[in-house]
Amino acid sequence: MNGSLLPSMAMFQKEQIGIRFYIQQMAAEITVIRPAVISEKSQLALEDYRGFRHIVRNIYTFHFDSSKIQNIVEPINDVFSQVRVELISFADFLEQQAEIGKQE
């Protein structure tokens, strides 16, 4: 970290690209291998939260738009519930695949 308590910009950008990449991968169906882990709707919602995290982590507080924050905060319970259902559904898929593998 170059003697600094703050991460380098390159490291931060790498992290942001990594988070975006993982969200995209979770929303992608891999034909014949696995369904999408999360829906496109969840992907878009998580991208909004990722963008908000970027602003907060970089202390761009002067860029805060209260209406945008409200638009992100209001649906958080619904987004959480939706992603939770999708993750449980994917876990069920994995369990089914494991059972199929045991039978072969």
Protein backbone atom coordinates (compact mmCIF):
# COMPACT_ATOMS: atom_id res chain seq x y z
CA MET A 1 0.00 0.00 0.00
CA ASN A 2 2.96 2.32 -0.52
CA GLY A 3 3.14 3.25 3.17
CA SER A 4 -0.29 4.82 2.89
CA LEU A 5 -3.41 3.76 4.72
CA LEU A 6 -5.41 4.33 1.55
CA PRO A 7 -5.43 1.70 -1.20
CA SER A 8 -3.97 2.66 -4.53
CA MET A 9 -6.35 3.77 -7.28
CA ALA A 10 -5.28 0.77 -9.38
CA MET A 11 -6.17 -1.60 -6.55
CA PHE A 12 -9.52 0.10 -6.06
CA GLN A 13 -10.34 -0.01 -9.77
CA LYS A 14 -9.37 -3.67 -9.87
CA GLU A 15 -11.74 -4.35 -6.96
CA GLN A 16 -14.61 -2.48 -8.66
CA ILE A 17 -14.05 -4.35 -11.91
CA GLY A 18 -13.96 -7.59 -9.93
CA ILE A 19 -17.26 -6.88 -8.20
CA ARG A 20 -18.94 -5.95 -11.49
CA PHE A 21 -17.49 -9.09 -13.11
CA TYR A 22 -18.85 -11.35 -10.36
CA ILE A 23 -22.31 -9.76 -10.52
CA GLN A 24 -22.33 -10.25 -14.30
CA GLN A 25 -21.18 -13.87 -13.95
CA MET A 26 -23.91 -14.59 -11.41
CA ALA A 27 -26.54 -13.23 -13.80
CA ALA A 28 -25.26 -15.27 -16.75
CA GLU A 29 -26.68 -18.66 -17.60
CA ILE A 30 -24.03 -21.11 -18.69
CA THR A 31 -25.90 -23.34 -21.10
CA VAL A 32 -25.86 -27.04 -20.22
CA ILE A 33 -23.86 -26.32 -17.05
CA ARG A 34 -25.94 -24.10 -14.80
CA PRO A 35 -28.77 -21.60 -14.77
CA ALA A 36 -28.18 -17.98 -13.87
CA VAL A 37 -27.68 -17.59 -10.13
CA ILE A 38 -29.54 -14.27 -10.03
CA SER A 39 -32.02 -12.62 -12.37
CA GLU A 40 -31.31 -9.66 -14.60
CA LYS A 41 -33.52 -7.59 -12.27
CA SER A 42 -31.31 -8.53 -9.31
CA GLN A 43 -28.20 -7.82 -11.37
CA LEU A 44 -29.38 -4.29 -12.09
CA ALA A 45 -30.29 -3.69 -8.45
CA LEU A 46 -26.92 -4.99 -7.24
CA GLU A 47 -25.16 -2.77 -9.78
CA ASP A 48 -26.95 0.22 -8.24
CA TYR A 49 -25.69 -0.79 -4.79
CA ARG A 50 -22.19 -1.37 -6.16
CA GLY A 51 -22.20 2.14 -7.62
CA PHE A 52 -23.44 3.59 -4.35
CA ARG A 53 -20.71 1.70 -2.48
CA HIS A 54 -18.14 3.25 -4.82
CA ILE A 55 -19.35 6.77 -3.97
CA VAL A 56 -19.44 6.09 -0.22
CA ARG A 57 -16.05 4.36 -0.11
CA ASN A 58 -14.44 7.22 -1.97
CA ILE A 59 -16.08 9.81 0.24
CA TYR A 60 -17.68 11.59 -2.68
CA THR A 61 -20.31 12.87 -0.26
CA PHE A 62 -20.63 16.10 -2.19
CA HIS A 63 -22.02 13.93 -5.02
CA PHE A 64 -24.84 12.55 -2.88
CA ASP A 65 -28.23 13.08 -4.43
CA SER A 66 -30.86 12.47 -1.76
CA SER A 67 -33.46 11.34 -4.31
CA LYS A 68 -31.04 8.75 -5.72
CA ILE A 69 -30.20 7.53 -2.22
CA GLN A 70 -33.90 7.24 -1.46
CA ASN A 71 -34.41 5.25 -4.68
CA ILE A 72 -31.70 2.83 -3.56
CA VAL A 73 -32.75 2.55 0.08
CA GLU A 74 -36.52 2.15 -0.37
CA PRO A 75 -36.45 -1.17 -2.25
CA ILE A 76 -33.63 -2.75 -0.24
CA ASN A 77 -35.87 -5.21 1.62
CA ASP A 78 -37.48 -6.35 -1.62
CA VAL A 79 -34.10 -6.66 -3.34
CA PHE A 80 -32.73 -8.66 -0.42
CA SER A 81 -35.75 -10.96 -0.45
CA GLN A 82 -35.52 -11.46 -4.20
CA VAL A 83 -31.79 -12.22 -4.16
CA ARG A 84 -32.28 -14.55 -1.19
CA VAL A 85 -34.96 -16.53 -3.06
CA GLU A 86 -32.73 -16.73 -6.13
CA LEU A 87 -29.75 -17.93 -4.10
CA ILE A 88 -31.84 -20.57 -2.36
CA SER A 89 -33.17 -21.70 -5.73
CA PHE A 90 -29.60 -22.00 -7.03
CA ALA A 91 -28.58 -23.95 -3.93
CA ASP A 92 -31.49 -26.32 -4.64
CA PHE A 93 -30.20 -26.74 -8.19
CA LEU A 94 -26.74 -27.62 -6.85
CA GLU A 95 -28.22 -30.16 -4.44
CA GLN A 96 -30.19 -31.75 -7.29
CA GLN A 97 -27.02 -31.97 -9.36
CA ALA A 98 -25.19 -33.58 -6.45
CA GLU A 99 -27.97 -36.18 -6.14
CA ILE A 100 -27.81 -36.90 -9.85
CA GLY A 101 -24.04 -37.32 -9.55
CA LYS A 102 -24.46 -39.82 -6.71
CA GLN A 103 -26.86 -41.91 -8.79
CA GLU A 104 -24.49 -42.21 -11.73
